[in-house]
Protein backbone atom coordinates (compact mmCIF):
# COMPACT_ATOMS: atom_id res chain seq x y z
CA UNK A 1 -10.12 -8.32 10.81
CA UNK A 2 -7.39 -10.00 12.74
CA UNK A 3 -6.67 -8.07 15.92
CA UNK A 4 -3.46 -9.80 17.01
CA UNK A 5 -0.58 -9.95 14.56
CA UNK A 6 1.89 -12.51 15.85
CA UNK A 7 2.61 -15.14 13.23
CA UNK A 8 -0.57 -14.44 11.30
CA UNK A 9 0.80 -11.73 9.02
CA UNK A 10 0.68 -14.14 6.09
CA UNK A 11 -3.10 -13.68 6.14
CA UNK A 12 -2.84 -9.96 5.44
CA UNK A 13 -2.99 -9.85 1.66
CA UNK A 14 -5.44 -9.53 -1.20
CA UNK A 15 -7.35 -12.60 0.02
CA UNK A 16 -8.19 -10.98 3.38
CA UNK A 17 -9.22 -7.75 1.68
CA UNK A 18 -11.38 -9.71 -0.81
CA UNK A 19 -13.06 -11.52 2.10
CA UNK A 20 -13.78 -8.18 3.78
CA UNK A 21 -15.16 -6.86 0.48
CA UNK A 22 -17.54 -9.81 0.26
CA UNK A 23 -18.99 -8.88 3.65
CA UNK A 24 -18.86 -5.08 3.48
CA UNK A 25 -19.34 -4.28 -0.24
CA UNK A 26 -17.10 -1.19 -0.18
CA UNK A 27 -17.39 1.27 -3.05
CA UNK A 28 -14.25 2.01 -5.12
CA UNK A 29 -12.02 4.34 -3.10
CA UNK A 30 -13.80 3.63 0.19
CA UNK A 31 -11.20 1.17 1.53
CA UNK A 32 -7.67 1.48 0.18
CA UNK A 33 -4.87 -0.50 1.81
CA UNK A 34 -1.16 0.10 1.39
CA UNK A 35 0.35 -3.32 2.00
CA UNK A 36 4.11 -3.60 2.60
CA UNK A 37 6.20 -6.76 2.53
CA UNK A 38 9.02 -7.15 5.05
CA UNK A 39 12.46 -6.36 3.70
CA UNK A 40 13.94 -9.57 2.32
CA UNK A 41 17.32 -10.66 3.65
CA UNK A 42 20.06 -8.99 1.62
CA UNK A 43 17.64 -6.76 -0.30
CA UNK A 44 17.98 -2.99 -0.34
CA UNK A 45 14.31 -2.46 -1.23
CA UNK A 46 10.87 -3.06 0.23
CA UNK A 47 7.92 -4.06 -1.95
CA UNK A 48 4.46 -2.53 -1.59
CA UNK A 49 0.99 -2.87 -3.07
CA UNK A 50 -1.87 -0.38 -3.10
CA UNK A 51 -5.10 -2.37 -2.92
CA UNK A 52 -8.64 -1.05 -3.32
CA UNK A 53 -11.13 -3.48 -1.77
CA UNK A 54 -13.60 -2.97 -4.63
CA UNK A 55 -11.11 -2.90 -7.53
CA UNK A 56 -8.20 -5.09 -6.43
CA UNK A 57 -4.53 -4.24 -6.74
CA UNK A 58 -4.06 -0.72 -8.09
CA UNK A 59 -0.29 -0.46 -7.94
CA UNK A 60 2.85 -2.43 -7.11
CA UNK A 61 6.28 -1.04 -6.50
CA UNK A 62 9.32 -0.66 -4.31
CA UNK A 63 11.23 1.90 -2.31
CA UNK A 64 14.83 1.95 -1.16
CA UNK A 65 15.12 1.11 2.52
CA UNK A 66 18.05 3.55 2.82
CA UNK A 67 15.74 6.38 1.70
CA UNK A 68 13.23 5.48 4.42
CA UNK A 69 15.93 5.23 7.09
CA UNK A 70 17.43 8.58 6.08
CA UNK A 71 14.06 10.31 6.52
CA UNK A 72 13.24 8.93 9.97
CA UNK A 73 11.50 9.59 12.18
CA UNK A 74 8.83 11.78 10.52
CA UNK A 75 9.61 12.26 6.81
CA UNK A 76 10.57 15.94 7.21
CA UNK A 77 11.14 16.27 3.44
CA UNK A 78 7.89 14.60 2.42
CA UNK A 79 7.30 11.13 0.99
CA UNK A 80 10.28 9.06 -0.07
CA UNK A 81 10.64 8.17 -3.77
CA UNK A 82 8.94 5.00 -4.97
CA UNK A 83 9.57 2.94 -8.07
CA UNK A 84 6.22 1.87 -9.56
CA UNK A 85 6.62 -1.54 -11.20
CA UNK A 86 2.98 -2.01 -12.23
CA UNK A 87 -0.26 -0.03 -12.04
CA UNK A 88 -3.86 -0.56 -13.06
CA UNK A 89 -4.33 1.60 -16.14
CA UNK A 90 -5.65 5.10 -15.57
CA UNK A 91 -5.65 4.90 -11.78
CA UNK A 92 -2.05 5.66 -10.82
CA UNK A 93 -2.16 9.44 -11.22
CA UNK A 94 -5.51 9.79 -9.45
CA UNK A 95 -4.26 7.89 -6.42
CA UNK A 96 -0.91 9.64 -6.30
CA UNK A 97 -2.30 13.18 -6.36
CA UNK A 98 -4.87 12.61 -3.62
CA UNK A 99 -8.06 13.03 -5.68
CA UNK A 100 -9.45 9.69 -4.50
CA UNK A 101 -9.20 10.35 -0.78
CA UNK A 102 -9.32 13.11 1.78
CA UNK A 103 -6.24 12.38 3.90
CA UNK A 104 -3.27 12.60 1.52
CA UNK A 105 -1.45 9.54 2.86
CA UNK A 106 -0.23 8.70 -0.64
CA UNK A 107 0.05 12.26 -1.89
């Protein structure tokens, strides 16, 4: 992985995760990355992807930046709402309710 992230953020996408998968051969659910794009100029939303190293992109969506700002600094009311724009069939609910992992980061 890239340890220093100054100007190399464009490398952090599905291609990097696929390269890691080639070397590490993760099982489905073993390495899941939530990848977030910077907020585009003039946009009120941020775009995200949930990527499983073994399966590829599981979900794409957005959230309203205003919702994230309103909940700073520690999300006292729980996760902010997301708008799922695409998901890999049959996987969305399992990821969302925490059955695929122990830590609940997406729960």
